């Protein structure tokens, strides 16, 4: 199983000293089961994969799944627990140019929260079968929400540096 130290610091990356304590706590709602056990196996982004993954919601939170089966897509927030948290400047391998962490979707960030819009295939008890994830097997689930195309989609949004590459 990989851990934050497995990520290493690449040439051109800059790290910082993190604060001594965190400001808040979260409840992990469950775990995400994927076919990927190592960083190098994961898709670069969730849209690159059509793998069926399983979201296992802790039974105590299962009542919160009421009516979720009516959703075609969900927003999943998850905690990239094996990513480094102290990198503020990164050099993505597929771009090769140094960028600020907050200009990237990399899991390496002070709060390694990731987000994916997934297609819901089915729910069986407290287990959701979905397509559209990019995380390691066992990744903690922070939250899930319905995806509303009418309010969540911003078709004219731009990431200027990405358009130039």
N, C-alpha and C. Protein backbone atom coordinates (compact mmCIF):
# COMPACT_ATOMS: atom_id res chain seq x y z
N UNK A 1 0.85 -1.18 0.00
CA UNK A 1 0.00 0.00 0.00
C UNK A 1 0.89 1.24 0.00
N UNK A 2 0.57 2.20 -0.84
CA UNK A 2 1.38 3.40 -0.91
C UNK A 2 0.99 4.37 0.20
N UNK A 3 1.92 5.25 0.52
CA UNK A 3 1.69 6.28 1.54
C UNK A 3 2.29 7.58 1.06
N UNK A 4 2.10 8.66 1.80
CA UNK A 4 2.55 9.98 1.36
C UNK A 4 4.03 9.99 1.01
N UNK A 5 4.85 9.29 1.79
CA UNK A 5 6.28 9.30 1.52
C UNK A 5 6.63 8.62 0.20
N UNK A 6 5.74 7.80 -0.34
CA UNK A 6 5.97 7.15 -1.63
C UNK A 6 5.93 8.15 -2.78
N UNK A 7 5.30 9.28 -2.58
CA UNK A 7 5.15 10.26 -3.65
C UNK A 7 6.46 10.97 -3.91
N UNK A 8 7.25 11.20 -2.88
CA UNK A 8 8.52 11.89 -3.06
C UNK A 8 8.33 13.32 -3.53
N UNK A 9 9.42 14.05 -3.60
CA UNK A 9 9.40 15.41 -4.11
C UNK A 9 10.19 15.40 -5.40
N UNK A 10 9.57 15.83 -6.47
CA UNK A 10 10.20 15.84 -7.79
C UNK A 10 10.95 17.13 -8.01
N UNK A 11 11.85 17.13 -8.97
CA UNK A 11 12.59 18.33 -9.33
C UNK A 11 11.61 19.45 -9.68
N UNK A 12 11.86 20.62 -9.12
CA UNK A 12 11.01 21.77 -9.39
C UNK A 12 9.87 21.93 -8.40
N UNK A 13 9.66 20.93 -7.54
CA UNK A 13 8.58 21.05 -6.55
C UNK A 13 9.09 21.74 -5.30
N UNK A 14 8.20 22.43 -4.61
CA UNK A 14 8.54 23.17 -3.40
C UNK A 14 7.60 22.73 -2.30
N UNK A 15 8.17 22.45 -1.13
CA UNK A 15 7.36 22.04 0.02
C UNK A 15 7.39 23.14 1.08
N UNK A 16 6.45 23.04 2.01
CA UNK A 16 6.39 23.97 3.14
C UNK A 16 6.28 23.17 4.43
N UNK A 17 6.49 23.82 5.57
CA UNK A 17 6.22 23.23 6.86
C UNK A 17 4.74 23.44 7.15
N UNK A 18 4.04 22.38 7.50
CA UNK A 18 2.61 22.46 7.78
C UNK A 18 2.37 22.96 9.19
N UNK A 19 1.19 23.54 9.46
CA UNK A 19 0.86 23.94 10.83
C UNK A 19 0.92 22.73 11.77
N UNK A 20 1.14 23.00 13.06
CA UNK A 20 1.28 21.91 14.02
C UNK A 20 -0.01 21.14 14.25
N UNK A 21 -1.15 21.78 14.08
CA UNK A 21 -2.42 21.07 14.28
C UNK A 21 -3.42 21.49 13.21
N UNK A 22 -4.43 20.64 13.03
CA UNK A 22 -5.46 20.93 12.04
C UNK A 22 -6.52 21.83 12.65
N UNK A 23 -7.35 22.42 11.79
CA UNK A 23 -8.39 23.33 12.24
C UNK A 23 -9.75 22.67 12.41
N UNK A 24 -9.96 21.52 11.81
CA UNK A 24 -11.27 20.89 11.86
C UNK A 24 -11.13 19.38 11.72
N UNK A 25 -12.20 18.70 11.96
CA UNK A 25 -12.22 17.26 11.78
C UNK A 25 -13.35 16.87 10.84
N UNK A 26 -13.23 15.69 10.26
CA UNK A 26 -14.29 15.17 9.40
C UNK A 26 -14.63 13.76 9.84
N UNK A 27 -15.80 13.31 9.49
CA UNK A 27 -16.20 11.92 9.67
C UNK A 27 -16.09 11.24 8.32
N UNK A 28 -15.30 10.20 8.23
CA UNK A 28 -15.28 9.43 6.99
C UNK A 28 -16.57 8.62 6.95
N UNK A 29 -17.30 8.77 5.85
CA UNK A 29 -18.60 8.12 5.70
C UNK A 29 -18.48 6.68 5.24
N UNK A 30 -17.30 6.30 4.81
CA UNK A 30 -17.08 4.95 4.31
C UNK A 30 -15.78 4.89 3.55
N UNK A 31 -15.66 3.87 2.69
CA UNK A 31 -14.45 3.66 1.90
C UNK A 31 -14.82 3.42 0.45
N UNK A 32 -13.90 3.78 -0.43
CA UNK A 32 -14.10 3.57 -1.87
C UNK A 32 -13.23 2.41 -2.30
N UNK A 33 -13.84 1.46 -2.99
CA UNK A 33 -13.13 0.28 -3.49
C UNK A 33 -12.90 0.44 -4.99
N UNK A 34 -11.63 0.41 -5.39
CA UNK A 34 -11.26 0.56 -6.79
C UNK A 34 -10.28 -0.55 -7.15
N UNK A 35 -9.99 -0.73 -8.44
CA UNK A 35 -9.00 -1.73 -8.83
C UNK A 35 -7.55 -1.28 -8.65
N UNK A 36 -7.32 -0.04 -8.19
CA UNK A 36 -5.97 0.51 -8.17
C UNK A 36 -5.38 0.50 -6.77
N UNK A 37 -4.23 -0.14 -6.62
CA UNK A 37 -3.57 -0.23 -5.33
C UNK A 37 -2.29 0.59 -5.27
N UNK A 38 -1.82 1.09 -6.41
CA UNK A 38 -0.62 1.91 -6.46
C UNK A 38 -0.88 3.16 -7.28
N UNK A 39 -0.20 4.24 -6.90
CA UNK A 39 -0.39 5.53 -7.56
C UNK A 39 -0.25 5.44 -9.08
N UNK A 40 0.74 4.71 -9.56
CA UNK A 40 1.00 4.64 -11.00
C UNK A 40 -0.12 3.95 -11.77
N UNK A 41 -0.98 3.22 -11.09
CA UNK A 41 -2.11 2.54 -11.75
C UNK A 41 -3.31 3.45 -11.94
N UNK A 42 -3.43 4.47 -11.12
CA UNK A 42 -4.61 5.34 -11.14
C UNK A 42 -4.69 6.14 -12.42
N UNK A 43 -5.90 6.33 -12.93
CA UNK A 43 -6.05 7.25 -14.07
C UNK A 43 -5.67 8.66 -13.64
N UNK A 44 -5.20 9.46 -14.59
CA UNK A 44 -4.81 10.85 -14.29
C UNK A 44 -6.02 11.69 -13.88
N UNK A 45 -7.17 11.33 -14.40
CA UNK A 45 -8.41 11.98 -13.96
C UNK A 45 -9.54 10.96 -14.07
N UNK A 46 -10.61 11.25 -13.38
CA UNK A 46 -11.71 10.30 -13.26
C UNK A 46 -12.39 9.98 -14.59
N UNK A 47 -12.38 10.89 -15.52
CA UNK A 47 -13.04 10.66 -16.81
C UNK A 47 -12.28 9.69 -17.71
N UNK A 48 -11.02 9.36 -17.35
CA UNK A 48 -10.21 8.45 -18.15
C UNK A 48 -10.58 6.99 -17.95
N UNK A 49 -11.40 6.70 -16.96
CA UNK A 49 -11.67 5.31 -16.62
C UNK A 49 -13.14 4.96 -16.71
N UNK A 50 -13.39 3.76 -17.18
CA UNK A 50 -14.76 3.24 -17.15
C UNK A 50 -14.86 2.07 -16.17
N UNK A 51 -13.90 1.99 -15.23
CA UNK A 51 -13.91 0.93 -14.22
C UNK A 51 -15.11 1.10 -13.29
N UNK A 52 -15.77 0.00 -13.00
CA UNK A 52 -16.86 0.02 -12.02
C UNK A 52 -16.22 -0.07 -10.64
N UNK A 53 -16.51 0.92 -9.80
CA UNK A 53 -15.97 0.99 -8.45
C UNK A 53 -17.13 0.91 -7.45
N UNK A 54 -16.79 0.59 -6.22
CA UNK A 54 -17.80 0.45 -5.19
C UNK A 54 -17.57 1.45 -4.07
N UNK A 55 -18.60 2.16 -3.71
CA UNK A 55 -18.56 3.06 -2.57
C UNK A 55 -19.27 2.35 -1.43
N UNK A 56 -18.51 2.03 -0.39
CA UNK A 56 -19.07 1.33 0.77
C UNK A 56 -19.35 2.36 1.86
N UNK A 57 -20.60 2.65 2.09
CA UNK A 57 -21.00 3.62 3.10
C UNK A 57 -21.12 2.89 4.44
N UNK A 58 -20.55 3.46 5.47
CA UNK A 58 -20.64 2.90 6.81
C UNK A 58 -22.12 2.70 7.14
N UNK A 59 -22.50 1.54 7.69
CA UNK A 59 -23.92 1.27 7.95
C UNK A 59 -24.62 2.34 8.78
N UNK A 60 -23.92 3.00 9.68
CA UNK A 60 -24.59 4.02 10.50
C UNK A 60 -25.06 5.21 9.66
N UNK A 61 -24.40 5.45 8.49
CA UNK A 61 -24.79 6.55 7.62
C UNK A 61 -25.73 6.10 6.49
N UNK A 62 -25.98 4.81 6.37
CA UNK A 62 -26.78 4.26 5.28
C UNK A 62 -28.18 4.88 5.16
N UNK A 63 -28.86 5.23 6.27
CA UNK A 63 -30.17 5.86 6.11
C UNK A 63 -30.10 7.15 5.28
N UNK A 64 -28.94 7.81 5.25
CA UNK A 64 -28.76 9.02 4.47
C UNK A 64 -28.79 8.77 2.97
N UNK A 65 -28.79 7.50 2.56
CA UNK A 65 -28.84 7.15 1.13
C UNK A 65 -30.27 7.16 0.58
N UNK A 66 -31.26 7.38 1.45
CA UNK A 66 -32.65 7.40 0.99
C UNK A 66 -32.81 8.36 -0.19
N UNK A 67 -33.38 7.88 -1.27
CA UNK A 67 -33.67 8.62 -2.51
C UNK A 67 -32.44 8.83 -3.40
N UNK A 68 -31.26 8.42 -2.98
CA UNK A 68 -30.07 8.56 -3.82
C UNK A 68 -30.22 7.74 -5.10
N UNK A 69 -30.96 6.64 -5.03
CA UNK A 69 -31.13 5.79 -6.22
C UNK A 69 -31.83 6.53 -7.36
N UNK A 70 -32.47 7.65 -7.06
CA UNK A 70 -33.14 8.43 -8.11
C UNK A 70 -32.16 9.32 -8.88
N UNK A 71 -30.91 9.38 -8.44
CA UNK A 71 -29.90 10.23 -9.08
C UNK A 71 -29.13 9.44 -10.14
N UNK A 72 -28.94 10.03 -11.29
CA UNK A 72 -28.11 9.37 -12.31
C UNK A 72 -26.63 9.60 -12.04
N UNK A 73 -26.29 10.76 -11.44
CA UNK A 73 -24.91 11.11 -11.17
C UNK A 73 -24.81 11.69 -9.75
N UNK A 74 -23.64 11.48 -9.15
CA UNK A 74 -23.37 12.00 -7.81
C UNK A 74 -22.02 12.72 -7.81
N UNK A 75 -21.87 13.64 -6.89
CA UNK A 75 -20.58 14.26 -6.61
C UNK A 75 -20.02 13.53 -5.40
N UNK A 76 -18.84 12.94 -5.54
CA UNK A 76 -18.17 12.29 -4.42
C UNK A 76 -16.98 13.14 -4.00
N UNK A 77 -16.88 13.37 -2.71
CA UNK A 77 -15.73 14.04 -2.11
C UNK A 77 -14.98 12.98 -1.32
N UNK A 78 -13.69 12.89 -1.55
CA UNK A 78 -12.92 11.85 -0.86
C UNK A 78 -11.57 12.37 -0.44
N UNK A 79 -10.97 11.70 0.54
CA UNK A 79 -9.74 12.13 1.17
C UNK A 79 -8.59 11.29 0.63
N UNK A 80 -7.72 11.93 -0.15
CA UNK A 80 -6.57 11.24 -0.73
C UNK A 80 -5.52 11.05 0.37
N UNK A 81 -5.77 10.08 1.23
CA UNK A 81 -5.01 9.90 2.47
C UNK A 81 -3.55 9.51 2.28
N UNK A 82 -3.17 9.10 1.09
CA UNK A 82 -1.78 8.70 0.87
C UNK A 82 -0.99 9.74 0.07
N UNK A 83 -1.57 10.90 -0.14
CA UNK A 83 -0.90 11.97 -0.89
C UNK A 83 -0.13 12.88 0.07
N UNK A 84 0.98 13.45 -0.40
CA UNK A 84 1.70 14.41 0.44
C UNK A 84 0.88 15.68 0.61
N UNK A 85 1.08 16.34 1.74
CA UNK A 85 0.28 17.52 2.06
C UNK A 85 1.08 18.80 2.10
N UNK A 86 2.37 18.74 1.86
CA UNK A 86 3.22 19.92 2.04
C UNK A 86 3.78 20.50 0.75
N UNK A 87 3.32 20.07 -0.40
CA UNK A 87 3.83 20.58 -1.67
C UNK A 87 2.97 21.75 -2.13
N UNK A 88 3.60 22.90 -2.37
CA UNK A 88 2.86 24.09 -2.81
C UNK A 88 3.15 24.47 -4.25
N UNK A 89 4.29 24.02 -4.79
CA UNK A 89 4.61 24.18 -6.21
C UNK A 89 4.91 22.80 -6.76
N UNK A 90 4.28 22.46 -7.89
CA UNK A 90 4.41 21.11 -8.45
C UNK A 90 4.77 21.18 -9.92
N UNK A 91 5.33 20.09 -10.40
CA UNK A 91 5.67 19.95 -11.81
C UNK A 91 4.98 18.69 -12.32
N UNK A 92 3.74 18.80 -12.81
CA UNK A 92 3.03 17.62 -13.29
C UNK A 92 3.81 16.97 -14.45
N UNK A 93 4.01 15.66 -14.35
CA UNK A 93 4.78 14.94 -15.36
C UNK A 93 4.25 15.10 -16.76
N UNK A 94 2.95 15.16 -16.93
CA UNK A 94 2.37 15.26 -18.27
C UNK A 94 2.39 16.67 -18.83
N UNK A 95 2.76 17.68 -18.00
CA UNK A 95 2.88 19.05 -18.50
C UNK A 95 4.32 19.54 -18.44
N UNK A 96 5.07 19.13 -17.40
CA UNK A 96 6.47 19.48 -17.28
C UNK A 96 6.75 20.94 -16.95
N UNK A 97 5.75 21.67 -16.49
CA UNK A 97 5.91 23.08 -16.15
C UNK A 97 5.46 23.26 -14.70
N UNK A 98 6.23 24.02 -13.92
CA UNK A 98 5.89 24.25 -12.52
C UNK A 98 4.60 25.08 -12.42
N UNK A 99 3.71 24.62 -11.57
CA UNK A 99 2.44 25.32 -11.32
C UNK A 99 2.18 25.33 -9.81
N UNK A 100 1.39 26.29 -9.38
CA UNK A 100 0.97 26.31 -7.98
C UNK A 100 -0.03 25.19 -7.72
N UNK A 101 0.06 24.61 -6.55
CA UNK A 101 -0.83 23.51 -6.18
C UNK A 101 -2.30 23.85 -6.41
N UNK A 102 -2.68 25.09 -6.11
CA UNK A 102 -4.10 25.46 -6.21
C UNK A 102 -4.54 25.73 -7.64
N UNK A 103 -3.61 25.66 -8.59
CA UNK A 103 -3.96 25.76 -10.01
C UNK A 103 -4.04 24.36 -10.64
N UNK A 104 -3.88 23.33 -9.83
CA UNK A 104 -3.86 21.94 -10.31
C UNK A 104 -4.94 21.11 -9.63
N UNK A 105 -5.23 19.96 -10.21
CA UNK A 105 -6.16 19.00 -9.61
C UNK A 105 -5.41 17.85 -8.94
N UNK A 106 -4.12 17.99 -8.76
CA UNK A 106 -3.28 16.97 -8.14
C UNK A 106 -3.79 16.61 -6.74
N UNK A 107 -3.64 15.35 -6.33
CA UNK A 107 -4.02 14.99 -4.96
C UNK A 107 -3.05 15.55 -3.91
N UNK A 108 -1.84 15.93 -4.32
CA UNK A 108 -0.85 16.49 -3.39
C UNK A 108 -1.23 17.94 -3.10
N UNK A 109 -1.74 18.16 -1.88
CA UNK A 109 -2.20 19.49 -1.49
C UNK A 109 -2.38 19.51 0.03
N UNK A 110 -2.41 20.69 0.66
CA UNK A 110 -2.52 20.74 2.11
C UNK A 110 -3.72 19.97 2.68
N UNK A 111 -4.84 20.06 2.02
CA UNK A 111 -6.02 19.26 2.38
C UNK A 111 -6.35 18.40 1.17
N UNK A 112 -5.93 17.13 1.19
CA UNK A 112 -6.04 16.29 -0.01
C UNK A 112 -7.47 15.82 -0.29
N UNK A 113 -8.33 16.80 -0.51
CA UNK A 113 -9.73 16.51 -0.83
C UNK A 113 -9.86 16.43 -2.34
N UNK A 114 -10.42 15.35 -2.80
CA UNK A 114 -10.65 15.16 -4.24
C UNK A 114 -12.15 15.12 -4.48
N UNK A 115 -12.52 15.39 -5.73
CA UNK A 115 -13.92 15.42 -6.11
C UNK A 115 -14.06 14.75 -7.47
N UNK A 116 -15.08 13.95 -7.61
CA UNK A 116 -15.41 13.37 -8.91
C UNK A 116 -16.92 13.35 -9.08
N UNK A 117 -17.35 13.57 -10.30
CA UNK A 117 -18.74 13.35 -10.65
C UNK A 117 -18.80 11.93 -11.19
N UNK A 118 -19.59 11.10 -10.54
CA UNK A 118 -19.67 9.69 -10.92
C UNK A 118 -21.06 9.36 -11.45
N UNK A 119 -21.11 8.34 -12.30
CA UNK A 119 -22.40 7.83 -12.76
C UNK A 119 -22.81 6.70 -11.83
N UNK A 120 -23.98 6.80 -11.26
CA UNK A 120 -24.50 5.79 -10.36
C UNK A 120 -25.13 4.67 -11.18
N UNK A 121 -24.63 3.45 -10.97
CA UNK A 121 -25.16 2.29 -11.67
C UNK A 121 -26.26 1.60 -10.87
N UNK A 122 -25.98 1.41 -9.57
CA UNK A 122 -26.98 0.75 -8.71
C UNK A 122 -26.58 0.91 -7.25
N UNK A 123 -27.55 0.68 -6.40
CA UNK A 123 -27.33 0.67 -4.95
C UNK A 123 -27.82 -0.66 -4.42
N UNK A 124 -27.00 -1.31 -3.62
CA UNK A 124 -27.38 -2.54 -2.94
C UNK A 124 -27.06 -2.35 -1.47
N UNK A 125 -28.09 -2.07 -0.67
CA UNK A 125 -27.86 -1.78 0.75
C UNK A 125 -27.05 -0.52 0.92
N UNK A 126 -25.87 -0.67 1.53
CA UNK A 126 -25.00 0.48 1.75
C UNK A 126 -23.85 0.54 0.74
N UNK A 127 -23.99 -0.17 -0.37
CA UNK A 127 -22.94 -0.21 -1.40
C UNK A 127 -23.45 0.38 -2.71
N UNK A 128 -22.71 1.36 -3.22
CA UNK A 128 -23.06 2.02 -4.48
C UNK A 128 -22.06 1.59 -5.55
N UNK A 129 -22.53 1.16 -6.68
CA UNK A 129 -21.67 0.87 -7.83
C UNK A 129 -21.67 2.10 -8.72
N UNK A 130 -20.45 2.59 -9.02
CA UNK A 130 -20.32 3.84 -9.77
C UNK A 130 -19.20 3.73 -10.81
N UNK A 131 -19.25 4.63 -11.77
CA UNK A 131 -18.17 4.79 -12.76
C UNK A 131 -17.73 6.25 -12.71
N UNK A 132 -16.39 6.46 -12.72
CA UNK A 132 -15.87 7.82 -12.79
C UNK A 132 -14.98 8.21 -11.63
N UNK A 133 -14.14 7.27 -11.16
CA UNK A 133 -13.25 7.58 -10.05
C UNK A 133 -11.79 7.46 -10.46
N UNK A 134 -10.91 8.06 -9.64
CA UNK A 134 -9.48 8.07 -9.93
C UNK A 134 -8.64 7.91 -8.66
N UNK A 135 -9.13 7.15 -7.70
CA UNK A 135 -8.45 7.06 -6.41
C UNK A 135 -8.00 5.63 -6.11
N UNK A 136 -7.13 5.52 -5.13
CA UNK A 136 -6.63 4.21 -4.71
C UNK A 136 -7.68 3.44 -3.93
N UNK A 137 -7.58 2.14 -3.98
CA UNK A 137 -8.48 1.27 -3.23
C UNK A 137 -8.39 1.59 -1.73
N UNK A 138 -9.53 1.72 -1.09
CA UNK A 138 -9.58 2.00 0.34
C UNK A 138 -9.62 3.47 0.68
N UNK A 139 -9.69 4.34 -0.31
CA UNK A 139 -9.72 5.79 -0.07
C UNK A 139 -10.96 6.15 0.77
N UNK A 140 -10.78 6.97 1.82
CA UNK A 140 -11.92 7.36 2.65
C UNK A 140 -12.88 8.31 1.91
N UNK A 141 -14.16 8.06 2.11
CA UNK A 141 -15.23 8.90 1.55
C UNK A 141 -15.56 10.00 2.54
N UNK A 142 -15.55 11.25 2.07
CA UNK A 142 -15.92 12.38 2.93
C UNK A 142 -17.41 12.69 2.80
N UNK A 143 -17.91 12.71 1.57
CA UNK A 143 -19.31 13.09 1.38
C UNK A 143 -19.76 12.66 -0.01
N UNK A 144 -21.05 12.58 -0.19
CA UNK A 144 -21.63 12.39 -1.52
C UNK A 144 -22.87 13.24 -1.60
N UNK A 145 -23.08 13.80 -2.79
CA UNK A 145 -24.17 14.74 -3.02
C UNK A 145 -24.75 14.49 -4.40
N UNK A 146 -26.00 14.84 -4.62
CA UNK A 146 -26.53 14.72 -5.98
C UNK A 146 -25.86 15.73 -6.90
N UNK A 147 -25.62 15.32 -8.13
CA UNK A 147 -25.09 16.23 -9.15
C UNK A 147 -26.28 16.85 -9.86
N UNK A 148 -26.34 18.18 -9.86
CA UNK A 148 -27.39 18.92 -10.56
C UNK A 148 -26.77 19.57 -11.78
N UNK A 149 -27.03 19.05 -12.95
CA UNK A 149 -26.47 19.62 -14.18
C UNK A 149 -26.86 21.09 -14.33
N UNK A 150 -28.05 21.44 -13.85
CA UNK A 150 -28.53 22.81 -14.01
C UNK A 150 -27.74 23.82 -13.18
N UNK A 151 -27.14 23.41 -12.09
CA UNK A 151 -26.39 24.34 -11.25
C UNK A 151 -24.91 24.00 -11.12
N UNK A 152 -24.53 22.74 -11.31
CA UNK A 152 -23.14 22.33 -11.12
C UNK A 152 -22.28 22.47 -12.37
N UNK A 153 -22.89 22.52 -13.53
CA UNK A 153 -22.14 22.60 -14.77
C UNK A 153 -21.93 24.07 -15.16
N UNK A 154 -20.69 24.39 -15.51
CA UNK A 154 -20.36 25.73 -15.98
C UNK A 154 -19.61 25.56 -17.30
N UNK A 155 -20.33 25.40 -18.41
CA UNK A 155 -19.71 25.08 -19.70
C UNK A 155 -18.67 26.08 -20.19
N UNK A 156 -18.78 27.35 -19.80
CA UNK A 156 -17.82 28.34 -20.29
C UNK A 156 -16.66 28.59 -19.32
N UNK A 157 -16.49 27.74 -18.30
CA UNK A 157 -15.38 27.89 -17.35
C UNK A 157 -14.05 27.65 -18.08
N UNK A 158 -13.01 28.38 -17.68
CA UNK A 158 -11.71 28.32 -18.35
C UNK A 158 -10.60 28.19 -17.31
N UNK A 159 -9.63 27.34 -17.60
CA UNK A 159 -8.36 27.29 -16.87
C UNK A 159 -7.34 27.78 -17.89
N UNK A 160 -6.97 29.05 -17.77
CA UNK A 160 -6.14 29.70 -18.78
C UNK A 160 -4.86 29.00 -19.13
N UNK A 161 -4.10 28.55 -18.13
CA UNK A 161 -2.82 27.89 -18.43
C UNK A 161 -3.04 26.58 -19.17
N UNK A 162 -4.13 25.89 -18.90
CA UNK A 162 -4.40 24.60 -19.55
C UNK A 162 -4.74 24.79 -21.02
N UNK A 163 -5.42 25.87 -21.33
CA UNK A 163 -5.80 26.16 -22.71
C UNK A 163 -4.56 26.44 -23.56
N UNK A 164 -3.49 26.94 -22.94
CA UNK A 164 -2.27 27.31 -23.64
C UNK A 164 -1.34 26.12 -23.90
N UNK A 165 -1.58 24.98 -23.23
CA UNK A 165 -0.68 23.83 -23.39
C UNK A 165 -1.13 22.88 -24.46
